[in-house]
Amino acid sequence: MAVGPVQLLVLGFEGTEAHPEIRAELDRLRDSDVVRLVDLLVVRKDADGKVTTDQRSDLSKDEATEMGALVGALIGIGLGEGDEDVALAGAEAGAAAGADGHLLDEDDMWYVEDAIPPGTTAAIALVEHVWALPLRESIRNARGRLLADAWIHPADLVGIGLIAAAEAEAH
């Protein structure tokens, strides 16, 4: 299974109403082969503290099981420092975790319920960047390799500009 880079997004919203325009945009991006929603867990806490959850994924149960096995094996490789048995155990645990069609376990998200105040919503999403798959393959075919990667947020650029301005003013 080829998997593109997966990004974890944790979002907060005032209120508990649904925002169908966000799902419509995710659908548009999926239909354009830009992203795939690996898993999404939405936790809503109403004004009285009652919690409801909603979970969605673009993966089939088989795909979620396979991706869970891949993630589990990679974690196992890291934990076992290359030990094949640890990687296999991680793959088996990951496959079991994804067997319900989701990688985010709703039962393990109790801390989100505790963390959000009444009258708010939190969303945790795993988004796969499908667009990167052909680029990665082209880089491999050219015998290139990743030396570093990072996400640069616009606020980081503003911060760099403020530091540069302060340094220029000091000189």
Protein backbone atom coordinates (compact mmCIF):
# COMPACT_ATOMS: atom_id res chain seq x y z
CA MET A 1 0.00 0.00 0.00
CA ALA A 2 1.48 3.33 -1.06
CA VAL A 3 0.82 6.01 1.53
CA GLY A 4 1.49 9.70 1.10
CA PRO A 5 2.54 12.00 3.93
CA VAL A 6 -0.09 12.02 6.67
CA GLN A 7 -0.80 15.21 8.57
CA LEU A 8 -2.47 15.37 11.98
CA LEU A 9 -4.81 18.32 12.41
CA VAL A 10 -6.44 19.23 15.72
CA LEU A 11 -9.09 21.91 15.30
CA GLY A 12 -11.32 23.75 17.75
CA PHE A 13 -14.64 25.47 17.11
CA GLU A 14 -16.94 27.63 19.19
CA GLY A 15 -20.39 26.07 19.33
CA THR A 16 -21.52 22.57 18.46
CA GLU A 17 -23.14 23.08 15.08
CA ALA A 18 -21.93 21.13 12.05
CA HIS A 19 -19.98 22.90 9.32
CA PRO A 20 -20.93 21.15 6.06
CA GLU A 21 -18.75 23.50 4.03
CA ILE A 22 -15.66 21.87 5.57
CA ARG A 23 -16.80 18.37 4.57
CA ALA A 24 -17.67 19.69 1.09
CA GLU A 25 -14.12 21.05 0.73
CA LEU A 26 -12.61 17.76 1.92
CA ASP A 27 -14.79 15.94 -0.63
CA ARG A 28 -13.63 18.30 -3.38
CA LEU A 29 -9.98 17.74 -2.46
CA ARG A 30 -10.51 13.97 -2.32
CA ASP A 31 -12.25 13.95 -5.70
CA SER A 32 -9.29 15.87 -7.14
CA ASP A 33 -6.81 13.30 -5.73
CA VAL A 34 -5.21 15.94 -3.52
CA VAL A 35 -5.97 14.44 -0.11
CA ARG A 36 -7.64 11.45 1.48
CA LEU A 37 -9.30 11.58 4.87
CA VAL A 38 -7.63 8.73 6.75
CA ASP A 39 -9.73 9.36 9.83
CA LEU A 40 -11.74 12.14 11.43
CA LEU A 41 -13.11 12.23 14.95
CA VAL A 42 -15.39 15.12 15.89
CA VAL A 43 -16.17 15.61 19.59
CA ARG A 44 -18.97 18.01 20.53
CA LYS A 45 -19.75 19.09 24.08
CA ASP A 46 -23.04 20.95 24.49
CA ALA A 47 -23.68 23.68 27.07
CA ASP A 48 -24.79 21.04 29.62
CA GLY A 49 -21.60 19.02 29.15
CA LYS A 50 -23.22 16.20 27.13
CA VAL A 51 -20.70 14.77 24.67
CA THR A 52 -21.44 13.39 21.22
CA THR A 53 -18.94 12.07 18.70
CA ASP A 54 -18.91 11.52 14.96
CA GLN A 55 -16.26 9.59 13.09
CA ARG A 56 -15.60 9.40 9.34
CA SER A 57 -12.97 8.02 7.02
CA ASP A 58 -12.39 7.70 3.29
CA LEU A 59 -10.75 4.31 3.91
CA SER A 60 -12.54 1.01 3.57
CA LYS A 61 -12.18 -1.40 6.50
CA ASP A 62 -9.57 -3.35 4.52
CA GLU A 63 -7.61 -0.17 3.76
CA ALA A 64 -7.80 0.93 7.40
CA THR A 65 -6.58 -2.49 8.53
CA GLU A 66 -3.70 -2.36 6.04
CA MET A 67 -2.76 1.21 6.98
CA GLY A 68 -2.98 0.32 10.68
CA ALA A 69 -0.61 -2.59 10.07
CA LEU A 70 1.81 -0.32 8.22
CA VAL A 71 1.74 2.33 10.95
CA GLY A 72 2.08 -0.32 13.66
CA ALA A 73 5.05 -1.93 11.89
CA LEU A 74 6.81 1.42 11.50
CA ILE A 75 6.28 2.21 15.17
CA GLY A 76 7.49 -1.29 16.02
CA ILE A 77 10.63 -0.81 13.94
CA GLY A 78 11.36 2.38 15.86
CA LEU A 79 10.63 0.86 19.26
CA GLY A 80 12.55 -2.33 18.55
CA GLU A 81 15.42 -0.52 16.85
CA GLY A 82 15.02 -2.72 13.77
CA ASP A 83 13.96 -5.90 15.61
CA GLU A 84 11.79 -7.86 13.17
CA ASP A 85 9.67 -9.47 15.91
CA VAL A 86 8.82 -6.09 17.43
CA ALA A 87 7.90 -4.76 13.98
CA LEU A 88 5.67 -7.79 13.36
CA ALA A 89 3.97 -7.36 16.74
CA GLY A 90 3.41 -3.67 15.92
CA ALA A 91 1.93 -4.58 12.54
CA GLU A 92 -0.47 -7.06 14.15
CA ALA A 93 -1.54 -4.53 16.80
CA GLY A 94 -1.98 -1.82 14.15
CA ALA A 95 -4.03 -4.12 11.91
CA ALA A 96 -6.30 -4.96 14.84
CA ALA A 97 -6.68 -1.26 15.68
CA GLY A 98 -7.69 -0.42 12.10
CA ALA A 99 -10.06 -3.39 11.68
CA ASP A 100 -13.08 -1.25 12.58
CA GLY A 101 -12.30 1.11 9.68
CA HIS A 102 -10.68 3.82 11.81
CA LEU A 103 -7.16 4.54 13.05
CA LEU A 104 -8.34 6.98 15.71
CA ASP A 105 -9.91 4.93 18.50
CA GLU A 106 -13.03 6.67 19.76
CA ASP A 107 -12.69 4.87 23.11
CA ASP A 108 -9.24 6.38 23.65
CA MET A 109 -10.39 9.95 23.01
CA TRP A 110 -11.82 10.54 26.50
CA TYR A 111 -9.12 13.12 27.15
CA VAL A 112 -10.51 15.29 24.34
CA GLU A 113 -13.87 15.25 26.11
CA ASP A 114 -12.14 16.41 29.29
CA ALA A 115 -10.08 19.07 27.51
CA ILE A 116 -12.80 20.96 25.69
CA PRO A 117 -15.13 23.33 27.51
CA PRO A 118 -18.92 23.09 27.24
CA GLY A 119 -20.36 24.68 24.12
CA THR A 120 -17.41 23.79 21.90
CA THR A 121 -16.31 21.24 19.33
CA ALA A 122 -12.94 19.62 18.65
CA ALA A 123 -11.98 17.75 15.51
CA ILE A 124 -8.99 15.47 15.13
CA ALA A 125 -8.16 14.56 11.54
CA LEU A 126 -5.55 12.42 9.85
CA VAL A 127 -5.22 13.71 6.28
CA GLU A 128 -3.11 11.88 3.71
CA HIS A 129 -1.49 14.10 1.07
CA VAL A 130 -2.12 11.90 -1.98
CA TRP A 131 -0.70 14.50 -4.35
CA ALA A 132 2.78 13.75 -2.97
CA LEU A 133 2.84 10.09 -4.10
CA PRO A 134 3.84 10.68 -7.75
CA LEU A 135 6.33 13.37 -6.69
CA ARG A 136 7.96 10.99 -4.20
CA GLU A 137 8.17 8.27 -6.89
CA SER A 138 9.79 10.73 -9.34
CA ILE A 139 12.35 11.70 -6.71
CA ARG A 140 13.11 8.02 -6.02
CA ASN A 141 13.45 7.28 -9.73
CA ALA A 142 15.98 10.10 -9.99
CA ARG A 143 17.86 8.56 -7.02
CA GLY A 144 17.05 11.56 -4.88
CA ARG A 145 16.40 11.39 -1.18
CA LEU A 146 14.76 13.56 1.40
CA LEU A 147 17.26 15.52 3.44
CA ALA A 148 14.75 17.49 5.52
CA ASP A 149 11.15 18.56 5.53
CA ALA A 150 9.09 20.99 7.54
CA TRP A 151 5.78 22.76 7.35
CA ILE A 152 6.16 26.52 7.33
CA HIS A 153 3.17 28.34 8.76
CA PRO A 154 2.46 31.95 7.69
CA ALA A 155 2.80 33.00 11.35
CA ASP A 156 6.37 31.64 11.28
CA LEU A 157 7.17 33.91 8.34
CA VAL A 158 5.70 36.90 10.18
CA GLY A 159 7.89 36.01 13.19
CA ILE A 160 10.98 35.81 10.98
CA GLY A 161 10.12 39.21 9.52
CA LEU A 162 9.70 40.75 12.99
CA ILE A 163 13.06 39.33 14.12
CA ALA A 164 14.76 40.59 10.95
CA ALA A 165 13.22 44.06 11.42
CA ALA A 166 14.38 44.20 15.04
CA GLU A 167 17.89 43.14 14.03
CA ALA A 168 17.99 45.71 11.24
CA GLU A 169 16.83 48.42 13.63
CA ALA A 170 19.49 47.42 16.17
CA HIS A 171 22.24 47.84 13.56
